Amino acid sequence: MQSERVWRQFTLMDLVMERMRVDPLVATRKCGGTAMADARNTCLGCSFHRECREWLECGGDLAGLAEFCPNAGFFRECRLNL
């Protein structure tokens, strides 16, 4: 079903954001919220969901993510400053 696919893609994005230590406040406030909405839409239409899952399972890093993820730049810009 379409709704299941949407939730799977959003779950993947949430897991990637967690792995990349994205600051949720920065992400949701960036460009008045439009950057996050654009990133969600990009993820929803992304054809690299298998690569994304493999990246998560293998404990990937930002360099590996940047090889296939169209949102890698957004995630990098929104990372927590630890």
PDB file of N, CA and C in Angstrom:
ATOM      1  N   MET A   1       0.823  -1.193   0.000  1.00  0.00           N
ATOM      2  CA  MET A   1       0.000   0.000   0.000  1.00  0.00           C
ATOM      3  C   MET A   1       0.860   1.247   0.000  1.00  0.00           C
ATOM      4  N   GLN A   2       0.302   2.301  -0.544  1.00  0.00           N
ATOM      5  CA  GLN A   2       1.017   3.568  -0.631  1.00  0.00           C
ATOM      6  C   GLN A   2       1.350   4.132   0.752  1.00  0.00           C
ATOM      7  N   SER A   3       0.399   4.065   1.677  1.00  0.00           N
ATOM      8  CA  SER A   3       0.649   4.627   3.008  1.00  0.00           C
ATOM      9  C   SER A   3       1.763   3.879   3.738  1.00  0.00           C
ATOM     10  N   GLU A   4       1.873   2.565   3.526  1.00  0.00           N
ATOM     11  CA  GLU A   4       2.958   1.806   4.149  1.00  0.00           C
ATOM     12  C   GLU A   4       4.309   2.245   3.600  1.00  0.00           C
ATOM     13  N   ARG A   5       4.371   2.493   2.298  1.00  0.00           N
ATOM     14  CA  ARG A   5       5.617   2.955   1.687  1.00  0.00           C
ATOM     15  C   ARG A   5       6.022   4.314   2.253  1.00  0.00           C
ATOM     16  N   VAL A   6       5.059   5.195   2.401  1.00  0.00           N
ATOM     17  CA  VAL A   6       5.334   6.520   2.963  1.00  0.00           C
ATOM     18  C   VAL A   6       5.914   6.392   4.363  1.00  0.00           C
ATOM     19  N   TRP A   7       5.294   5.585   5.205  1.00  0.00           N
ATOM     20  CA  TRP A   7       5.786   5.431   6.577  1.00  0.00           C
ATOM     21  C   TRP A   7       7.160   4.770   6.620  1.00  0.00           C
ATOM     22  N   ARG A   8       7.405   3.801   5.723  1.00  0.00           N
ATOM     23  CA  ARG A   8       8.740   3.172   5.657  1.00  0.00           C
ATOM     24  C   ARG A   8       9.801   4.205   5.296  1.00  0.00           C
ATOM     25  N   GLN A   9       9.509   5.041   4.292  1.00  0.00           N
ATOM     26  CA  GLN A   9      10.481   6.053   3.867  1.00  0.00           C
ATOM     27  C   GLN A   9      10.725   7.060   4.989  1.00  0.00           C
ATOM     28  N   PHE A  10       9.664   7.493   5.657  1.00  0.00           N
ATOM     29  CA  PHE A  10       9.827   8.456   6.743  1.00  0.00           C
ATOM     30  C   PHE A  10      10.593   7.841   7.910  1.00  0.00           C
ATOM     31  N   THR A  11      10.363   6.562   8.174  1.00  0.00           N
ATOM     32  CA  THR A  11      11.103   5.880   9.236  1.00  0.00           C
ATOM     33  C   THR A  11      12.584   5.824   8.891  1.00  0.00           C
ATOM     34  N   LEU A  12      12.892   5.517   7.632  1.00  0.00           N
ATOM     35  CA  LEU A  12      14.293   5.512   7.202  1.00  0.00           C
ATOM     36  C   LEU A  12      14.925   6.880   7.415  1.00  0.00           C
ATOM     37  N   MET A  13      14.212   7.927   7.012  1.00  0.00           N
ATOM     38  CA  MET A  13      14.758   9.273   7.171  1.00  0.00           C
ATOM     39  C   MET A  13      14.994   9.589   8.642  1.00  0.00           C
ATOM     40  N   ASP A  14      14.055   9.221   9.502  1.00  0.00           N
ATOM     41  CA  ASP A  14      14.234   9.468  10.931  1.00  0.00           C
ATOM     42  C   ASP A  14      15.456   8.724  11.474  1.00  0.00           C
ATOM     43  N   LEU A  15      15.654   7.493  11.037  1.00  0.00           N
ATOM     44  CA  LEU A  15      16.817   6.713  11.477  1.00  0.00           C
ATOM     45  C   LEU A  15      18.119   7.322  10.973  1.00  0.00           C
ATOM     46  N   VAL A  16      18.127   7.797   9.736  1.00  0.00           N
ATOM     47  CA  VAL A  16      19.325   8.455   9.188  1.00  0.00           C
ATOM     48  C   VAL A  16      19.609   9.731   9.972  1.00  0.00           C
ATOM     49  N   MET A  17      18.564  10.506  10.243  1.00  0.00           N
ATOM     50  CA  MET A  17      18.763  11.741  11.006  1.00  0.00           C
ATOM     51  C   MET A  17      19.334  11.450  12.387  1.00  0.00           C
ATOM     52  N   GLU A  18      18.851  10.390  13.014  1.00  0.00           N
ATOM     53  CA  GLU A  18      19.380  10.002  14.319  1.00  0.00           C
ATOM     54  C   GLU A  18      20.848   9.589  14.206  1.00  0.00           C
ATOM     55  N   ARG A  19      21.161   8.758  13.216  1.00  0.00           N
ATOM     56  CA  ARG A  19      22.543   8.295  13.021  1.00  0.00           C
ATOM     57  C   ARG A  19      23.483   9.471  12.752  1.00  0.00           C
ATOM     58  N   MET A  20      23.007  10.440  11.971  1.00  0.00           N
ATOM     59  CA  MET A  20      23.841  11.590  11.613  1.00  0.00           C
ATOM     60  C   MET A  20      23.845  12.660  12.699  1.00  0.00           C
ATOM     61  N   ARG A  21      23.136  12.393  13.791  1.00  0.00           N
ATOM     62  CA  ARG A  21      23.037  13.336  14.911  1.00  0.00           C
ATOM     63  C   ARG A  21      22.513  14.698  14.453  1.00  0.00           C
ATOM     64  N   VAL A  22      21.462  14.639  13.645  1.00  0.00           N
ATOM     65  CA  VAL A  22      20.810  15.864  13.186  1.00  0.00           C
ATOM     66  C   VAL A  22      20.069  16.484  14.360  1.00  0.00           C
ATOM     67  N   ASP A  23      20.235  17.781  14.533  1.00  0.00           N
ATOM     68  CA  ASP A  23      19.506  18.522  15.555  1.00  0.00           C
ATOM     69  C   ASP A  23      18.097  18.770  15.018  1.00  0.00           C
ATOM     70  N   PRO A  24      17.075  18.149  15.605  1.00  0.00           N
ATOM     71  CA  PRO A  24      15.722  18.288  15.073  1.00  0.00           C
ATOM     72  C   PRO A  24      15.218  19.732  15.052  1.00  0.00           C
ATOM     73  N   LEU A  25      15.627  20.541  16.028  1.00  0.00           N
ATOM     74  CA  LEU A  25      15.208  21.941  16.038  1.00  0.00           C
ATOM     75  C   LEU A  25      15.803  22.708  14.876  1.00  0.00           C
ATOM     76  N   VAL A  26      17.073  22.490  14.619  1.00  0.00           N
ATOM     77  CA  VAL A  26      17.724  23.148  13.479  1.00  0.00           C
ATOM     78  C   VAL A  26      17.059  22.705  12.183  1.00  0.00           C
ATOM     79  N   ALA A  27      16.815  21.406  12.061  1.00  0.00           N
ATOM     80  CA  ALA A  27      16.219  20.869  10.835  1.00  0.00           C
ATOM     81  C   ALA A  27      14.828  21.436  10.587  1.00  0.00           C
ATOM     82  N   THR A  28      14.013  21.507  11.628  1.00  0.00           N
ATOM     83  CA  THR A  28      12.642  21.981  11.425  1.00  0.00           C
ATOM     84  C   THR A  28      12.547  23.487  11.275  1.00  0.00           C
ATOM     85  N   ARG A  29      13.527  24.216  11.766  1.00  0.00           N
ATOM     86  CA  ARG A  29      13.505  25.681  11.645  1.00  0.00           C
ATOM     87  C   ARG A  29      14.198  26.188  10.384  1.00  0.00           C
ATOM     88  N   LYS A  30      15.003  25.359   9.771  1.00  0.00           N
ATOM     89  CA  LYS A  30      15.773  25.789   8.594  1.00  0.00           C
ATOM     90  C   LYS A  30      14.824  26.258   7.490  1.00  0.00           C
ATOM     91  N   CYS A  31      15.042  27.460   7.026  1.00  0.00           N
ATOM     92  CA  CYS A  31      14.229  28.063   5.961  1.00  0.00           C
ATOM     93  C   CYS A  31      12.746  28.077   6.326  1.00  0.00           C
ATOM     94  N   GLY A  32      12.456  28.306   7.587  1.00  0.00           N
ATOM     95  CA  GLY A  32      11.077  28.382   8.020  1.00  0.00           C
ATOM     96  C   GLY A  32      10.321  27.073   7.909  1.00  0.00           C
ATOM     97  N   GLY A  33      11.032  25.967   7.924  1.00  0.00           N
ATOM     98  CA  GLY A  33      10.413  24.649   7.852  1.00  0.00           C
ATOM     99  C   GLY A  33      10.352  24.071   6.447  1.00  0.00           C
ATOM    100  N   THR A  34      10.602  24.891   5.449  1.00  0.00           N
ATOM    101  CA  THR A  34      10.503  24.380   4.079  1.00  0.00           C
ATOM    102  C   THR A  34      11.643  23.425   3.740  1.00  0.00           C
ATOM    103  N   ALA A  35      12.813  23.617   4.350  1.00  0.00           N
ATOM    104  CA  ALA A  35      13.938  22.715   4.061  1.00  0.00           C
ATOM    105  C   ALA A  35      13.618  21.301   4.547  1.00  0.00           C
ATOM    106  N   MET A  36      13.006  21.193   5.712  1.00  0.00           N
ATOM    107  CA  MET A  36      12.633  19.876   6.238  1.00  0.00           C
ATOM    108  C   MET A  36      11.540  19.257   5.369  1.00  0.00           C
ATOM    109  N   ALA A  37      10.558  20.047   4.979  1.00  0.00           N
ATOM    110  CA  ALA A  37       9.490  19.533   4.110  1.00  0.00           C
ATOM    111  C   ALA A  37      10.072  19.061   2.779  1.00  0.00           C
ATOM    112  N   ASP A  38      11.005  19.829   2.232  1.00  0.00           N
ATOM    113  CA  ASP A  38      11.653  19.428   0.974  1.00  0.00           C
ATOM    114  C   ASP A  38      12.444  18.135   1.156  1.00  0.00           C
ATOM    115  N   ALA A  39      13.151  18.024   2.281  1.00  0.00           N
ATOM    116  CA  ALA A  39      13.927  16.811   2.554  1.00  0.00           C
ATOM    117  C   ALA A  39      13.004  15.602   2.683  1.00  0.00           C
ATOM    118  N   ARG A  40      11.883  15.759   3.348  1.00  0.00           N
ATOM    119  CA  ARG A  40      10.913  14.663   3.473  1.00  0.00           C
ATOM    120  C   ARG A  40      10.380  14.257   2.095  1.00  0.00           C
ATOM    121  N   ASN A  41      10.064  15.239   1.277  1.00  0.00           N
ATOM    122  CA  ASN A  41       9.570  14.934  -0.072  1.00  0.00           C
ATOM    123  C   ASN A  41      10.638  14.252  -0.913  1.00  0.00           C
ATOM    124  N   THR A  42      11.871  14.699  -0.777  1.00  0.00           N
ATOM    125  CA  THR A  42      12.974  14.072  -1.495  1.00  0.00           C
ATOM    126  C   THR A  42      13.114  12.622  -1.062  1.00  0.00           C
ATOM    127  N   CYS A  43      13.052  12.381   0.235  1.00  0.00           N
ATOM    128  CA  CYS A  43      13.158  11.025   0.755  1.00  0.00           C
ATOM    129  C   CYS A  43      11.999  10.163   0.267  1.00  0.00           C
ATOM    130  N   LEU A  44      10.831  10.728   0.259  1.00  0.00           N
ATOM    131  CA  LEU A  44       9.649   9.979  -0.173  1.00  0.00           C
ATOM    132  C   LEU A  44       9.779   9.491  -1.610  1.00  0.00           C
ATOM    133  N   GLY A  45      10.383  10.306  -2.468  1.00  0.00           N
ATOM    134  CA  GLY A  45      10.536   9.936  -3.869  1.00  0.00           C
ATOM    135  C   GLY A  45      11.858   9.281  -4.203  1.00  0.00           C
ATOM    136  N   CYS A  46      12.695   9.054  -3.208  1.00  0.00           N
ATOM    137  CA  CYS A  46      14.049   8.545  -3.439  1.00  0.00           C
ATOM    138  C   CYS A  46      14.035   7.071  -3.866  1.00  0.00           C
ATOM    139  N   SER A  47      14.868   6.762  -4.817  1.00  0.00           N
ATOM    140  CA  SER A  47      14.967   5.381  -5.299  1.00  0.00           C
ATOM    141  C   SER A  47      16.109   4.611  -4.636  1.00  0.00           C
ATOM    142  N   PHE A  48      16.771   5.210  -3.659  1.00  0.00           N
ATOM    143  CA  PHE A  48      17.916   4.581  -3.002  1.00  0.00           C
ATOM    144  C   PHE A  48      17.571   3.996  -1.632  1.00  0.00           C
ATOM    145  N   HIS A  49      16.320   3.586  -1.431  1.00  0.00           N
ATOM    146  CA  HIS A  49      15.922   3.084  -0.116  1.00  0.00           C
ATOM    147  C   HIS A  49      16.691   1.827   0.274  1.00  0.00           C
ATOM    148  N   ARG A  50      17.050   0.984  -0.683  1.00  0.00           N
ATOM    149  CA  ARG A  50      17.836  -0.222  -0.345  1.00  0.00           C
ATOM    150  C   ARG A  50      19.231   0.165   0.132  1.00  0.00           C
ATOM    151  N   GLU A  51      19.851   1.087  -0.596  1.00  0.00           N
ATOM    152  CA  GLU A  51      21.179   1.565  -0.194  1.00  0.00           C
ATOM    153  C   GLU A  51      21.121   2.211   1.180  1.00  0.00           C
ATOM    154  N   CYS A  52      20.052   2.937   1.423  1.00  0.00           N
ATOM    155  CA  CYS A  52      19.876   3.611   2.705  1.00  0.00           C
ATOM    156  C   CYS A  52      19.801   2.591   3.836  1.00  0.00           C
ATOM    157  N   ARG A  53      18.986   1.557   3.656  1.00  0.00           N
ATOM    158  CA  ARG A  53      18.872   0.517   4.669  1.00  0.00           C
ATOM    159  C   ARG A  53      20.208  -0.181   4.899  1.00  0.00           C
ATOM    160  N   GLU A  54      20.911  -0.504   3.817  1.00  0.00           N
ATOM    161  CA  GLU A  54      22.221  -1.152   3.941  1.00  0.00           C
ATOM    162  C   GLU A  54      23.198  -0.249   4.680  1.00  0.00           C
ATOM    163  N   TRP A  55      23.177   1.025   4.351  1.00  0.00           N
ATOM    164  CA  TRP A  55      24.055   2.000   5.013  1.00  0.00           C
ATOM    165  C   TRP A  55      23.782   2.010   6.507  1.00  0.00           C
ATOM    166  N   LEU A  56      22.503   2.029   6.889  1.00  0.00           N
ATOM    167  CA  LEU A  56      22.141   2.012   8.307  1.00  0.00           C
ATOM    168  C   LEU A  56      22.604   0.727   8.984  1.00  0.00           C
ATOM    169  N   GLU A  57      22.385  -0.417   8.323  1.00  0.00           N
ATOM    170  CA  GLU A  57      22.748  -1.713   8.897  1.00  0.00           C
ATOM    171  C   GLU A  57      24.255  -1.861   9.074  1.00  0.00           C
ATOM    172  N   CYS A  58      25.027  -1.231   8.214  1.00  0.00           N
ATOM    173  CA  CYS A  58      26.488  -1.352   8.261  1.00  0.00           C
ATOM    174  C   CYS A  58      27.147  -0.286   9.122  1.00  0.00           C
ATOM    175  N   GLY A  59      26.350   0.575   9.748  1.00  0.00           N
ATOM    176  CA  GLY A  59      26.924   1.618  10.594  1.00  0.00           C
ATOM    177  C   GLY A  59      27.645   2.690   9.802  1.00  0.00           C
ATOM    178  N   GLY A  60      27.066   3.067   8.671  1.00  0.00           N
ATOM    179  CA  GLY A  60      27.693   4.025   7.762  1.00  0.00           C
ATOM    180  C   GLY A  60      27.962   5.396   8.350  1.00  0.00           C
ATOM    181  N   ASP A  61      28.805   6.137   7.646  1.00  0.00           N
ATOM    182  CA  ASP A  61      29.168   7.489   8.056  1.00  0.00           C
ATOM    183  C   ASP A  61      28.703   8.487   6.998  1.00  0.00           C
ATOM    184  N   LEU A  62      28.966   9.767   7.245  1.00  0.00           N
ATOM    185  CA  LEU A  62      28.513  10.824   6.338  1.00  0.00           C
ATOM    186  C   LEU A  62      29.089  10.670   4.944  1.00  0.00           C
ATOM    187  N   ALA A  63      30.332  10.275   4.836  1.00  0.00           N
ATOM    188  CA  ALA A  63      30.951  10.111   3.517  1.00  0.00           C
ATOM    189  C   ALA A  63      30.219   9.037   2.709  1.00  0.00           C
ATOM    190  N   GLY A  64      29.889   7.930   3.349  1.00  0.00           N
ATOM    191  CA  GLY A  64      29.164   6.879   2.662  1.00  0.00           C
ATOM    192  C   GLY A  64      27.763   7.310   2.285  1.00  0.00           C
ATOM    193  N   LEU A  65      27.118   8.067   3.154  1.00  0.00           N
ATOM    194  CA  LEU A  65      25.770   8.557   2.883  1.00  0.00           C
ATOM    195  C   LEU A  65      25.774   9.500   1.687  1.00  0.00           C
ATOM    196  N   ALA A  66      26.778  10.345   1.614  1.00  0.00           N
ATOM    197  CA  ALA A  66      26.856  11.330   0.539  1.00  0.00           C
ATOM    198  C   ALA A  66      26.993  10.683  -0.839  1.00  0.00           C
ATOM    199  N   GLU A  67      27.413   9.425  -0.876  1.00  0.00           N
ATOM    200  CA  GLU A  67      27.573   8.736  -2.160  1.00  0.00           C
ATOM    201  C   GLU A  67      26.247   8.471  -2.850  1.00  0.00           C
ATOM    202  N   PHE A  68      25.150   8.382  -2.095  1.00  0.00           N
ATOM    203  CA  PHE A  68      23.864   8.052  -2.723  1.00  0.00           C
ATOM    204  C   PHE A  68      22.702   8.924  -2.261  1.00  0.00           C
ATOM    205  N   CYS A  69      22.798   9.577  -1.134  1.00  0.00           N
ATOM    206  CA  CYS A  69      21.646  10.270  -0.545  1.00  0.00           C
ATOM    207  C   CYS A  69      21.540  11.719  -1.022  1.00  0.00           C
ATOM    208  N   PRO A  70      20.420  12.063  -1.651  1.00  0.00           N
ATOM    209  CA  PRO A  70      20.239  13.445  -2.087  1.00  0.00           C
ATOM    210  C   PRO A  70      20.033  14.423  -0.928  1.00  0.00           C
ATOM    211  N   ASN A  71      19.782  13.917   0.279  1.00  0.00           N
ATOM    212  CA  ASN A  71      19.612  14.776   1.453  1.00  0.00           C
ATOM    213  C   ASN A  71      20.872  14.883   2.307  1.00  0.00           C
ATOM    214  N   ALA A  72      21.963  14.307   1.891  1.00  0.00           N
ATOM    215  CA  ALA A  72      23.176  14.293   2.711  1.00  0.00           C
ATOM    216  C   ALA A  72      23.622  15.702   3.107  1.00  0.00           C
ATOM    217  N   GLY A  73      23.536  16.641   2.202  1.00  0.00           N
ATOM    218  CA  GLY A  73      23.920  18.021   2.513  1.00  0.00           C
ATOM    219  C   GLY A  73      23.038  18.637   3.584  1.00  0.00           C
ATOM    220  N   PHE A  74      21.750  18.389   3.498  1.00  0.00           N
ATOM    221  CA  PHE A  74      20.807  18.883   4.505  1.00  0.00           C
ATOM    222  C   PHE A  74      21.145  18.297   5.870  1.00  0.00           C
ATOM    223  N   PHE A  75      21.385  16.985   5.913  1.00  0.00           N
ATOM    224  CA  PHE A  75      21.738  16.355   7.179  1.00  0.00           C
ATOM    225  C   PHE A  75      23.029  16.937   7.742  1.00  0.00           C
ATOM    226  N   ARG A  76      24.018  17.158   6.889  1.00  0.00           N
ATOM    227  CA  ARG A  76      25.299  17.707   7.335  1.00  0.00           C
ATOM    228  C   ARG A  76      25.085  19.112   7.941  1.00  0.00           C
ATOM    229  N   GLU A  77      24.274  19.928   7.284  1.00  0.00           N
ATOM    230  CA  GLU A  77      24.040  21.291   7.746  1.00  0.00           C
ATOM    231  C   GLU A  77      23.291  21.359   9.079  1.00  0.00           C
ATOM    232  N   CYS A  78      22.567  20.308   9.410  1.00  0.00           N
ATOM    233  CA  CYS A  78      21.716  20.307  10.594  1.00  0.00           C
ATOM    234  C   CYS A  78      22.267  19.467  11.747  1.00  0.00           C
ATOM    235  N   ARG A  79      23.513  19.051  11.652  1.00  0.00           N
ATOM    236  CA  ARG A  79      24.082  18.189  12.695  1.00  0.00           C
ATOM    237  C   ARG A  79      24.268  18.951  13.989  1.00  0.00           C
ATOM    238  N   LEU A  80      24.161  18.207  15.096  1.00  0.00           N
ATOM    239  CA  LEU A  80      24.425  18.765  16.427  1.00  0.00           C
ATOM    240  C   LEU A  80      25.890  19.139  16.537  1.00  0.00           C
ATOM    241  N   ASN A  81      26.166  20.214  17.214  1.00  0.00           N
ATOM    242  CA  ASN A  81      27.546  20.595  17.492  1.00  0.00           C
ATOM    243  C   ASN A  81      27.908  20.033  18.857  1.00  0.00           C
ATOM    244  N   LEU A  82      28.605  18.894  18.825  1.00  0.00           N
ATOM    245  CA  LEU A  82      28.962  18.240  20.095  1.00  0.00           C
ATOM    246  C   LEU A  82      30.346  18.607  20.546  1.00  0.00           C
TER     247      LEU A  82
END
